[in-house]
Amino acid sequence: MFMPAPRQPFLQSPTPDQRADIRLAASKMTGATRRSFEAEMTLKYCGGDARQAESVFGWGRHTVELGLAERRTGILCLGAQGACSGRKRWEDEHPHVAEALRHLAEAHAQQDPTFRTSFAYTRLTAQAALEALQAQGYDAAQLPAPSTTARVLNRLGFRLRKVVKAKPQKKIKETDAIFDNIKKRCPSARLGPWQTLEPRL
């Protein structure tokens, strides 16, 4: 039995203005985000053909093919620089010292009185923390610089600044009425601290 070939979906060719806009949008992106965008535009305007996307938009066909593969499999590819470069955080290189620093900061920490943030405020300075860690027997080669110590404490959830105590509430309009009511009920409230209700002898 004769089976007709499936019809190819009609692809609308982008106008010159659309091509310029798509190129501009792609130029503002990098990495996997750009590859994903190029793959979507290739499927929409070029039927998933990387070579046609290269001729229409001027993108590298190998990059478009990689973006299509990432879209199909859901697996993002990392380059050698992104996967292998970069310096590890100090707390990842020295987890035992970082744990000792956390305990030290917790001993000097206080919750924000307003409870508006989950950060704890500590009166411990970075230099004092380093001196305390050295007193515990940690080698100076294992310890970071004071500025790095401050950043590590921030990443651990502490803020190096003075604890701001809760401020008393301001005088409200009803304050005078409350004190007038107290004076009416307690006559002794009208007297000064040096005066008494007892008659003098």
N, C-alpha and C. Protein backbone atom coordinates (compact mmCIF):
# COMPACT_ATOMS: atom_id res chain seq x y z
N MET A 1 0.85 -1.18 0.00
CA MET A 1 0.00 0.00 0.00
C MET A 1 0.89 1.24 0.00
N PHE A 2 0.52 2.20 -0.82
CA PHE A 2 1.33 3.41 -0.95
C PHE A 2 1.04 4.34 0.21
N MET A 3 2.13 4.76 0.90
CA MET A 3 2.00 5.69 2.04
C MET A 3 2.62 7.02 1.63
N PRO A 4 1.87 8.10 1.66
CA PRO A 4 2.44 9.40 1.31
C PRO A 4 3.47 9.83 2.36
N ALA A 5 4.48 10.50 1.90
CA ALA A 5 5.50 10.99 2.81
C ALA A 5 4.91 12.06 3.73
N PRO A 6 5.32 12.06 5.01
CA PRO A 6 4.77 13.07 5.93
C PRO A 6 5.18 14.47 5.49
N ARG A 7 4.24 15.36 5.62
CA ARG A 7 4.49 16.73 5.22
C ARG A 7 5.44 17.42 6.21
N GLN A 8 6.34 18.15 5.65
CA GLN A 8 7.24 18.94 6.48
C GLN A 8 6.48 20.17 6.98
N PRO A 9 6.65 20.50 8.24
CA PRO A 9 5.96 21.69 8.76
C PRO A 9 6.45 22.93 8.04
N PHE A 10 5.52 23.83 7.79
CA PHE A 10 5.85 25.06 7.10
C PHE A 10 6.69 25.94 8.03
N LEU A 11 7.86 26.33 7.55
CA LEU A 11 8.77 27.15 8.34
C LEU A 11 8.72 28.57 7.82
N GLN A 12 8.41 29.46 8.70
CA GLN A 12 8.36 30.87 8.33
C GLN A 12 9.78 31.44 8.38
N SER A 13 10.22 31.97 7.30
CA SER A 13 11.56 32.55 7.24
C SER A 13 11.56 33.88 7.96
N PRO A 14 12.54 34.10 8.85
CA PRO A 14 12.55 35.37 9.58
C PRO A 14 12.88 36.54 8.67
N THR A 15 12.29 37.66 8.94
CA THR A 15 12.58 38.89 8.19
C THR A 15 13.97 39.38 8.57
N PRO A 16 14.54 40.27 7.76
CA PRO A 16 15.87 40.82 8.11
C PRO A 16 15.89 41.48 9.49
N ASP A 17 14.81 42.16 9.85
CA ASP A 17 14.76 42.78 11.18
C ASP A 17 14.74 41.72 12.28
N GLN A 18 13.98 40.65 12.06
CA GLN A 18 13.94 39.58 13.04
C GLN A 18 15.30 38.90 13.18
N ARG A 19 15.98 38.71 12.04
CA ARG A 19 17.31 38.12 12.11
C ARG A 19 18.27 38.98 12.93
N ALA A 20 18.21 40.28 12.71
CA ALA A 20 19.07 41.19 13.46
C ALA A 20 18.75 41.15 14.95
N ASP A 21 17.46 41.10 15.28
CA ASP A 21 17.06 41.05 16.69
C ASP A 21 17.51 39.74 17.34
N ILE A 22 17.37 38.64 16.61
CA ILE A 22 17.76 37.34 17.17
C ILE A 22 19.27 37.27 17.37
N ARG A 23 20.03 37.80 16.40
CA ARG A 23 21.49 37.83 16.55
C ARG A 23 21.89 38.67 17.75
N LEU A 24 21.23 39.83 17.91
CA LEU A 24 21.54 40.71 19.04
C LEU A 24 21.24 40.02 20.37
N ALA A 25 20.09 39.34 20.43
CA ALA A 25 19.72 38.65 21.67
C ALA A 25 20.73 37.54 22.00
N ALA A 26 21.16 36.80 20.98
CA ALA A 26 22.13 35.73 21.21
C ALA A 26 23.48 36.28 21.66
N SER A 27 23.84 37.46 21.15
CA SER A 27 25.14 38.03 21.52
C SER A 27 25.18 38.48 22.97
N LYS A 28 24.02 38.68 23.59
CA LYS A 28 23.98 39.09 24.98
C LYS A 28 24.06 37.90 25.93
N MET A 29 24.03 36.69 25.40
CA MET A 29 24.04 35.49 26.22
C MET A 29 25.38 34.78 26.11
N THR A 30 25.63 33.89 27.08
CA THR A 30 26.85 33.10 27.07
C THR A 30 26.54 31.66 27.50
N GLY A 31 27.45 30.76 27.13
CA GLY A 31 27.40 29.40 27.63
C GLY A 31 26.15 28.64 27.24
N ALA A 32 25.65 27.87 28.21
CA ALA A 32 24.50 27.01 27.96
C ALA A 32 23.24 27.80 27.65
N THR A 33 23.13 29.01 28.22
CA THR A 33 21.96 29.85 27.93
C THR A 33 21.92 30.23 26.46
N ARG A 34 23.08 30.60 25.92
CA ARG A 34 23.13 30.97 24.50
C ARG A 34 22.87 29.76 23.62
N ARG A 35 23.44 28.62 23.95
CA ARG A 35 23.22 27.42 23.13
C ARG A 35 21.75 27.01 23.14
N SER A 36 21.10 27.15 24.30
CA SER A 36 19.68 26.82 24.39
C SER A 36 18.85 27.76 23.52
N PHE A 37 19.17 29.05 23.55
CA PHE A 37 18.45 30.02 22.72
C PHE A 37 18.66 29.74 21.24
N GLU A 38 19.90 29.46 20.85
CA GLU A 38 20.18 29.18 19.44
C GLU A 38 19.46 27.90 18.99
N ALA A 39 19.38 26.90 19.87
CA ALA A 39 18.67 25.68 19.52
C ALA A 39 17.18 25.94 19.31
N GLU A 40 16.59 26.78 20.18
CA GLU A 40 15.17 27.09 20.04
C GLU A 40 14.90 27.84 18.73
N MET A 41 15.73 28.81 18.41
CA MET A 41 15.54 29.55 17.17
C MET A 41 15.80 28.67 15.94
N THR A 42 16.72 27.72 16.06
CA THR A 42 16.98 26.80 14.96
C THR A 42 15.78 25.90 14.72
N LEU A 43 15.16 25.43 15.78
CA LEU A 43 13.96 24.60 15.62
C LEU A 43 12.80 25.41 15.06
N LYS A 44 12.70 26.65 15.46
CA LYS A 44 11.55 27.47 15.05
C LYS A 44 11.67 27.94 13.61
N TYR A 45 12.88 28.36 13.22
CA TYR A 45 13.02 28.98 11.89
C TYR A 45 13.78 28.12 10.89
N CYS A 46 14.51 27.12 11.35
CA CYS A 46 15.34 26.34 10.43
C CYS A 46 15.04 24.85 10.46
N GLY A 47 13.98 24.46 11.10
CA GLY A 47 13.60 23.05 11.13
C GLY A 47 14.61 22.17 11.84
N GLY A 48 15.40 22.73 12.73
CA GLY A 48 16.39 21.94 13.47
C GLY A 48 17.65 21.66 12.69
N ASP A 49 17.87 22.34 11.59
CA ASP A 49 19.05 22.14 10.75
C ASP A 49 20.13 23.14 11.15
N ALA A 50 21.24 22.62 11.71
CA ALA A 50 22.30 23.49 12.19
C ALA A 50 22.98 24.22 11.06
N ARG A 51 23.12 23.57 9.88
CA ARG A 51 23.78 24.22 8.75
C ARG A 51 22.95 25.41 8.24
N GLN A 52 21.62 25.21 8.23
CA GLN A 52 20.77 26.31 7.80
C GLN A 52 20.82 27.46 8.80
N ALA A 53 20.90 27.13 10.09
CA ALA A 53 21.02 28.18 11.11
C ALA A 53 22.32 28.94 10.94
N GLU A 54 23.35 28.23 10.50
CA GLU A 54 24.63 28.90 10.26
C GLU A 54 24.52 29.91 9.12
N SER A 55 23.80 29.54 8.08
CA SER A 55 23.68 30.46 6.94
C SER A 55 22.68 31.57 7.21
N VAL A 56 21.63 31.30 8.00
CA VAL A 56 20.61 32.31 8.26
C VAL A 56 21.05 33.31 9.32
N PHE A 57 21.58 32.78 10.45
CA PHE A 57 21.91 33.65 11.59
C PHE A 57 23.41 33.90 11.75
N GLY A 58 24.23 33.12 11.06
CA GLY A 58 25.66 33.32 11.19
C GLY A 58 26.27 32.65 12.41
N TRP A 59 25.55 31.71 13.04
CA TRP A 59 26.07 31.01 14.20
C TRP A 59 26.92 29.82 13.76
N GLY A 60 27.87 29.40 14.60
CA GLY A 60 28.65 28.21 14.31
C GLY A 60 27.76 26.97 14.39
N ARG A 61 27.81 26.15 13.35
CA ARG A 61 26.91 24.99 13.33
C ARG A 61 27.24 23.98 14.43
N HIS A 62 28.52 23.90 14.82
CA HIS A 62 28.88 22.96 15.89
C HIS A 62 28.27 23.38 17.22
N THR A 63 28.24 24.69 17.45
CA THR A 63 27.61 25.19 18.68
C THR A 63 26.11 24.94 18.66
N VAL A 64 25.49 25.14 17.50
CA VAL A 64 24.05 24.90 17.38
C VAL A 64 23.75 23.41 17.57
N GLU A 65 24.58 22.54 16.99
CA GLU A 65 24.38 21.09 17.17
C GLU A 65 24.51 20.70 18.63
N LEU A 66 25.45 21.32 19.33
CA LEU A 66 25.60 21.04 20.77
C LEU A 66 24.37 21.50 21.54
N GLY A 67 23.86 22.68 21.19
CA GLY A 67 22.65 23.15 21.85
C GLY A 67 21.45 22.26 21.59
N LEU A 68 21.33 21.76 20.35
CA LEU A 68 20.24 20.84 20.04
C LEU A 68 20.38 19.54 20.81
N ALA A 69 21.62 19.05 20.94
CA ALA A 69 21.84 17.82 21.70
C ALA A 69 21.53 18.02 23.18
N GLU A 70 21.90 19.17 23.73
CA GLU A 70 21.59 19.47 25.12
C GLU A 70 20.08 19.55 25.33
N ARG A 71 19.38 20.12 24.38
CA ARG A 71 17.93 20.22 24.49
C ARG A 71 17.27 18.85 24.41
N ARG A 72 17.82 18.00 23.55
CA ARG A 72 17.25 16.66 23.36
C ARG A 72 17.51 15.75 24.56
N THR A 73 18.70 15.82 25.13
CA THR A 73 19.06 14.91 26.22
C THR A 73 18.82 15.49 27.61
N GLY A 74 18.80 16.82 27.70
CA GLY A 74 18.66 17.45 29.01
C GLY A 74 19.96 17.51 29.79
N ILE A 75 21.07 17.16 29.16
CA ILE A 75 22.38 17.16 29.81
C ILE A 75 23.17 18.37 29.32
N LEU A 76 23.63 19.19 30.24
CA LEU A 76 24.42 20.36 29.87
C LEU A 76 25.90 19.99 29.83
N CYS A 77 26.58 20.45 28.81
CA CYS A 77 28.01 20.17 28.64
C CYS A 77 28.82 21.30 29.27
N LEU A 78 29.87 20.93 29.98
CA LEU A 78 30.76 21.91 30.59
C LEU A 78 32.10 21.88 29.88
N GLY A 79 32.63 23.05 29.61
CA GLY A 79 33.95 23.13 29.03
C GLY A 79 35.02 22.82 30.06
N ALA A 80 36.24 22.62 29.58
CA ALA A 80 37.33 22.30 30.49
C ALA A 80 37.59 23.43 31.47
N GLN A 81 37.44 24.67 31.01
CA GLN A 81 37.69 25.79 31.90
C GLN A 81 36.64 25.86 33.00
N GLY A 82 35.37 25.67 32.63
CA GLY A 82 34.32 25.75 33.63
C GLY A 82 34.33 24.58 34.59
N ALA A 83 34.77 23.39 34.12
CA ALA A 83 34.74 22.21 34.96
C ALA A 83 35.96 22.08 35.85
N CYS A 84 37.12 22.54 35.37
CA CYS A 84 38.37 22.27 36.08
C CYS A 84 39.03 23.51 36.66
N SER A 85 38.65 24.70 36.24
CA SER A 85 39.33 25.90 36.72
C SER A 85 38.60 26.47 37.93
N GLY A 86 39.21 27.47 38.51
CA GLY A 86 38.60 28.11 39.66
C GLY A 86 39.21 27.61 40.95
N ARG A 87 39.31 28.51 41.90
CA ARG A 87 39.89 28.16 43.19
C ARG A 87 38.79 27.76 44.16
N LYS A 88 39.07 26.73 44.95
CA LYS A 88 38.09 26.28 45.94
C LYS A 88 37.99 27.29 47.07
N ARG A 89 36.84 27.30 47.71
CA ARG A 89 36.67 28.17 48.86
C ARG A 89 37.54 27.66 50.01
N TRP A 90 37.91 28.61 50.88
CA TRP A 90 38.77 28.24 51.99
C TRP A 90 38.10 27.22 52.88
N GLU A 91 36.81 27.37 53.14
CA GLU A 91 36.12 26.43 54.03
C GLU A 91 36.00 25.04 53.42
N ASP A 92 36.11 24.93 52.08
CA ASP A 92 36.12 23.62 51.45
C ASP A 92 37.49 22.96 51.53
N GLU A 93 38.54 23.77 51.51
CA GLU A 93 39.89 23.23 51.63
C GLU A 93 40.25 22.87 53.06
N HIS A 94 39.70 23.61 54.02
CA HIS A 94 40.01 23.37 55.44
C HIS A 94 38.71 23.22 56.23
N PRO A 95 38.00 22.11 56.07
CA PRO A 95 36.69 21.99 56.74
C PRO A 95 36.79 21.94 58.26
N HIS A 96 37.87 21.34 58.81
CA HIS A 96 37.98 21.24 60.27
C HIS A 96 38.23 22.62 60.88
N VAL A 97 39.07 23.41 60.26
CA VAL A 97 39.32 24.76 60.77
C VAL A 97 38.06 25.62 60.62
N ALA A 98 37.34 25.44 59.51
CA ALA A 98 36.10 26.20 59.31
C ALA A 98 35.06 25.85 60.37
N GLU A 99 35.01 24.58 60.77
CA GLU A 99 34.07 24.19 61.82
C GLU A 99 34.46 24.81 63.15
N ALA A 100 35.77 24.87 63.44
CA ALA A 100 36.22 25.52 64.66
C ALA A 100 35.90 27.02 64.62
N LEU A 101 36.03 27.64 63.46
CA LEU A 101 35.68 29.06 63.31
C LEU A 101 34.19 29.27 63.53
N ARG A 102 33.37 28.35 63.05
CA ARG A 102 31.92 28.46 63.25
C ARG A 102 31.57 28.39 64.73
N HIS A 103 32.16 27.43 65.46
CA HIS A 103 31.88 27.32 66.90
C HIS A 103 32.34 28.57 67.64
N LEU A 104 33.48 29.10 67.22
CA LEU A 104 33.99 30.31 67.86
C LEU A 104 33.06 31.49 67.64
N ALA A 105 32.54 31.62 66.42
CA ALA A 105 31.62 32.72 66.12
C ALA A 105 30.28 32.55 66.83
N GLU A 106 29.82 31.31 66.94
CA GLU A 106 28.55 31.06 67.62
C GLU A 106 28.62 31.43 69.09
N ALA A 107 29.81 31.27 69.69
CA ALA A 107 29.96 31.61 71.11
C ALA A 107 29.84 33.11 71.34
N HIS A 108 30.10 33.92 70.32
CA HIS A 108 30.03 35.38 70.45
C HIS A 108 28.85 35.96 69.67
N ALA A 109 27.95 35.13 69.19
CA ALA A 109 26.88 35.60 68.30
C ALA A 109 25.61 35.92 69.07
N GLN A 110 24.80 36.74 68.46
CA GLN A 110 23.50 37.11 69.00
C GLN A 110 22.54 37.31 67.85
N GLN A 111 21.33 36.82 68.01
CA GLN A 111 20.33 36.95 66.96
C GLN A 111 19.92 38.41 66.81
N ASP A 112 19.55 38.77 65.60
CA ASP A 112 19.06 40.12 65.33
C ASP A 112 17.84 40.38 66.21
N PRO A 113 17.84 41.45 67.03
CA PRO A 113 16.70 41.70 67.92
C PRO A 113 15.38 41.87 67.19
N THR A 114 15.41 42.35 65.96
CA THR A 114 14.16 42.55 65.22
C THR A 114 13.69 41.27 64.53
N PHE A 115 14.55 40.24 64.46
CA PHE A 115 14.23 38.97 63.80
C PHE A 115 13.84 39.16 62.34
N ARG A 116 14.37 40.22 61.71
CA ARG A 116 14.06 40.46 60.30
C ARG A 116 14.96 39.66 59.37
N THR A 117 16.03 39.09 59.88
CA THR A 117 16.95 38.34 59.06
C THR A 117 17.41 37.11 59.83
N SER A 118 17.84 36.09 59.07
CA SER A 118 18.31 34.86 59.70
C SER A 118 19.78 34.94 60.09
N PHE A 119 20.45 36.04 59.74
CA PHE A 119 21.86 36.17 60.08
C PHE A 119 22.00 36.46 61.56
N ALA A 120 23.09 35.94 62.15
CA ALA A 120 23.43 36.24 63.53
C ALA A 120 24.54 37.27 63.54
N TYR A 121 24.45 38.21 64.46
CA TYR A 121 25.46 39.26 64.56
C TYR A 121 26.47 38.84 65.62
N THR A 122 27.73 38.99 65.31
CA THR A 122 28.79 38.61 66.24
C THR A 122 29.68 39.80 66.51
N ARG A 123 30.09 39.94 67.77
CA ARG A 123 31.00 41.02 68.15
C ARG A 123 32.45 40.60 67.95
N LEU A 124 32.66 39.40 67.49
CA LEU A 124 34.01 38.88 67.25
C LEU A 124 34.56 39.47 65.96
N THR A 125 35.73 40.07 66.04
CA THR A 125 36.36 40.60 64.84
C THR A 125 37.13 39.50 64.13
N ALA A 126 37.45 39.74 62.87
CA ALA A 126 38.19 38.74 62.10
C ALA A 126 39.57 38.51 62.69
N GLN A 127 40.23 39.57 63.11
CA GLN A 127 41.57 39.44 63.69
C GLN A 127 41.51 38.66 65.00
N ALA A 128 40.50 38.94 65.83
CA ALA A 128 40.35 38.21 67.09
C ALA A 128 40.05 36.74 66.84
N ALA A 129 39.28 36.46 65.79
CA ALA A 129 38.98 35.06 65.45
C ALA A 129 40.25 34.32 65.04
N LEU A 130 41.10 34.98 64.25
CA LEU A 130 42.35 34.34 63.84
C LEU A 130 43.25 34.10 65.04
N GLU A 131 43.33 35.05 65.95
CA GLU A 131 44.15 34.86 67.15
C GLU A 131 43.62 33.73 68.01
N ALA A 132 42.30 33.61 68.11
CA ALA A 132 41.72 32.52 68.90
C ALA A 132 41.98 31.16 68.26
N LEU A 133 41.93 31.11 66.92
CA LEU A 133 42.23 29.85 66.25
C LEU A 133 43.70 29.47 66.41
N GLN A 134 44.58 30.44 66.38
CA GLN A 134 45.99 30.15 66.61
C GLN A 134 46.21 29.67 68.04
N ALA A 135 45.45 30.22 68.99
CA ALA A 135 45.56 29.78 70.37
C ALA A 135 45.06 28.35 70.54
N GLN A 136 44.15 27.93 69.68
CA GLN A 136 43.66 26.55 69.73
C GLN A 136 44.63 25.56 69.09
N GLY A 137 45.70 26.06 68.47
CA GLY A 137 46.72 25.18 67.94
C GLY A 137 46.74 25.05 66.43
N TYR A 138 45.95 25.84 65.74
CA TYR A 138 45.94 25.78 64.27
C TYR A 138 47.12 26.58 63.72
N ASP A 139 47.74 26.01 62.69
CA ASP A 139 48.91 26.63 62.09
C ASP A 139 48.49 27.87 61.29
N ALA A 140 49.37 28.86 61.28
CA ALA A 140 49.07 30.10 60.55
C ALA A 140 48.94 29.85 59.06
N ALA A 141 49.60 28.81 58.55
CA ALA A 141 49.50 28.51 57.11
C ALA A 141 48.11 28.02 56.74
N GLN A 142 47.38 27.48 57.70
CA GLN A 142 46.02 27.01 57.44
C GLN A 142 44.99 28.12 57.51
N LEU A 143 45.35 29.23 58.14
CA LEU A 143 44.39 30.30 58.39
C LEU A 143 44.40 31.31 57.26
N PRO A 144 43.24 31.87 56.94
CA PRO A 144 43.17 32.87 55.87
C PRO A 144 43.54 34.26 56.37
N ALA A 145 43.56 35.20 55.46
CA ALA A 145 43.79 36.59 55.82
C ALA A 145 42.55 37.13 56.54
N PRO A 146 42.70 38.22 57.29
CA PRO A 146 41.53 38.78 57.99
C PRO A 146 40.36 39.11 57.07
N SER A 147 40.65 39.66 55.89
CA SER A 147 39.55 39.99 54.97
C SER A 147 38.84 38.72 54.50
N THR A 148 39.62 37.67 54.23
CA THR A 148 39.00 36.39 53.83
C THR A 148 38.21 35.80 54.98
N THR A 149 38.72 35.94 56.20
CA THR A 149 38.00 35.44 57.37
C THR A 149 36.63 36.11 57.50
N ALA A 150 36.58 37.42 57.24
CA ALA A 150 35.30 38.12 57.30
C ALA A 150 34.33 37.58 56.26
N ARG A 151 34.83 37.31 55.04
CA ARG A 151 33.95 36.76 54.00
C ARG A 151 33.50 35.35 54.35
N VAL A 152 34.39 34.56 54.95
CA VAL A 152 34.02 33.19 55.34
C VAL A 152 32.93 33.23 56.40
N LEU A 153 33.07 34.12 57.38
CA LEU A 153 32.04 34.25 58.41
C LEU A 153 30.71 34.68 57.82
N ASN A 154 30.75 35.55 56.82
CA ASN A 154 29.51 35.95 56.16
C ASN A 154 28.87 34.76 55.46
N ARG A 155 29.69 33.93 54.81
CA ARG A 155 29.13 32.76 54.13
C ARG A 155 28.60 31.74 55.13
N LEU A 156 29.16 31.73 56.34
CA LEU A 156 28.68 30.81 57.38
C LEU A 156 27.44 31.35 58.08
N GLY A 157 27.03 32.58 57.78
CA GLY A 157 25.80 33.11 58.34
C GLY A 157 25.99 34.11 59.46
N PHE A 158 27.17 34.72 59.54
CA PHE A 158 27.43 35.70 60.60
C PHE A 158 27.74 37.05 59.98
N ARG A 159 27.46 38.11 60.73
CA ARG A 159 27.76 39.46 60.31
C ARG A 159 28.69 40.08 61.35
N LEU A 160 29.80 40.62 60.89
CA LEU A 160 30.79 41.20 61.78
C LEU A 160 30.46 42.66 62.02
N ARG A 161 29.58 42.92 62.96
CA ARG A 161 29.28 44.29 63.35
C ARG A 161 28.64 44.27 64.72
N LYS A 162 28.57 45.44 65.33
CA LYS A 162 28.03 45.53 66.67
C LYS A 162 26.55 45.18 66.66
N VAL A 163 26.14 44.55 67.75
CA VAL A 163 24.75 44.17 67.88
C VAL A 163 23.93 45.41 68.23
N VAL A 164 22.94 45.70 67.45
CA VAL A 164 22.07 46.84 67.70
C VAL A 164 20.94 46.38 68.59
N LYS A 165 20.90 46.95 69.79
CA LYS A 165 19.85 46.56 70.73
C LYS A 165 18.51 47.15 70.28
N ALA A 166 17.45 46.51 70.70
CA ALA A 166 16.12 46.98 70.34
C ALA A 166 15.88 48.35 70.97
N LYS A 167 15.45 49.28 70.17
CA LYS A 167 15.22 50.63 70.65
C LYS A 167 13.86 50.71 71.34
N PRO A 168 13.74 51.51 72.41
CA PRO A 168 12.42 51.66 73.06
C PRO A 168 11.44 52.36 72.15
N GLN A 169 10.19 52.02 72.33
CA GLN A 169 9.16 52.63 71.51
C GLN A 169 9.02 54.12 71.82
N LYS A 170 8.68 54.88 70.81
CA LYS A 170 8.49 56.31 70.99
C LYS A 170 7.20 56.58 71.76
N LYS A 171 7.13 57.77 72.32
CA LYS A 171 5.96 58.17 73.07
C LYS A 171 4.76 58.26 72.13
N ILE A 172 3.68 57.61 72.53
CA ILE A 172 2.48 57.61 71.70
C ILE A 172 1.48 58.63 72.26
N LYS A 173 0.43 58.87 71.51
CA LYS A 173 -0.56 59.89 71.89
C LYS A 173 -1.26 59.52 73.19
N GLU A 174 -1.47 58.23 73.44
CA GLU A 174 -2.21 57.80 74.61
C GLU A 174 -1.39 57.84 75.89
N THR A 175 -0.09 58.17 75.79
CA THR A 175 0.77 58.14 76.98
C THR A 175 0.29 59.13 78.03
N ASP A 176 -0.01 60.37 77.64
CA ASP A 176 -0.46 61.37 78.61
C ASP A 176 -1.77 60.95 79.27
N ALA A 177 -2.67 60.38 78.50
CA ALA A 177 -3.95 59.94 79.07
C ALA A 177 -3.74 58.81 80.08
N ILE A 178 -2.79 57.95 79.82
CA ILE A 178 -2.51 56.85 80.75
C ILE A 178 -1.98 57.39 82.07
N PHE A 179 -1.04 58.35 82.01
CA PHE A 179 -0.48 58.90 83.24
C PHE A 179 -1.51 59.75 83.99
N ASP A 180 -2.40 60.45 83.28
CA ASP A 180 -3.46 61.20 83.95
C ASP A 180 -4.39 60.26 84.69
N ASN A 181 -4.68 59.13 84.11
CA ASN A 181 -5.55 58.14 84.75
C ASN A 181 -4.87 57.58 86.01
N ILE A 182 -3.55 57.36 85.92
CA ILE A 182 -2.83 56.84 87.10
C ILE A 182 -2.83 57.87 88.21
N LYS A 183 -2.67 59.15 87.87
CA LYS A 183 -2.66 60.20 88.89
C LYS A 183 -4.02 60.33 89.57
N LYS A 184 -5.11 60.12 88.83
CA LYS A 184 -6.45 60.19 89.43
C LYS A 184 -6.68 59.05 90.40
N ARG A 185 -6.19 57.86 90.05
CA ARG A 185 -6.41 56.70 90.92
C ARG A 185 -5.45 56.69 92.11
N CYS A 186 -4.24 57.15 91.92
CA CYS A 186 -3.24 57.14 92.99
C CYS A 186 -2.81 58.57 93.27
N PRO A 187 -3.31 59.17 94.32
CA PRO A 187 -2.90 60.55 94.62
C PRO A 187 -1.41 60.65 94.89
N SER A 188 -0.80 59.58 95.39
CA SER A 188 0.63 59.65 95.70
C SER A 188 1.47 59.79 94.44
N ALA A 189 0.87 59.48 93.29
CA ALA A 189 1.64 59.60 92.06
C ALA A 189 1.89 61.05 91.70
N ARG A 190 1.09 62.01 92.32
CA ARG A 190 1.29 63.42 92.02
C ARG A 190 2.48 64.00 92.79
N LEU A 191 2.87 63.29 93.87
CA LEU A 191 3.91 63.81 94.72
C LEU A 191 5.27 63.44 94.19
N GLY A 192 6.25 64.23 94.53
CA GLY A 192 7.61 63.93 94.15
C GLY A 192 8.17 62.83 95.03
N PRO A 193 9.36 62.34 94.70
CA PRO A 193 9.93 61.25 95.48
C PRO A 193 10.31 61.68 96.89
N TRP A 194 10.45 63.01 97.13
CA TRP A 194 10.84 63.47 98.46
C TRP A 194 9.62 63.78 99.33
N GLN A 195 8.39 63.68 98.75
CA GLN A 195 7.20 64.02 99.48
C GLN A 195 6.47 62.75 99.92
N THR A 196 5.77 62.82 101.03
CA THR A 196 5.00 61.69 101.54
C THR A 196 3.62 62.21 101.93
N LEU A 197 2.71 61.26 102.12
CA LEU A 197 1.35 61.59 102.54
C LEU A 197 1.24 61.71 104.06
N GLU A 198 2.26 61.29 104.80
CA GLU A 198 2.22 61.32 106.25
C GLU A 198 2.42 62.77 106.73
N PRO A 199 1.67 63.19 107.73
CA PRO A 199 1.85 64.56 108.27
C PRO A 199 3.19 64.69 108.97
N ARG A 200 3.77 65.88 108.84
CA ARG A 200 5.03 66.12 109.50
C ARG A 200 4.82 66.32 111.00
N LEU A 201 5.79 65.91 111.81
CA LEU A 201 5.72 66.07 113.26
C LEU A 201 6.26 67.43 113.67
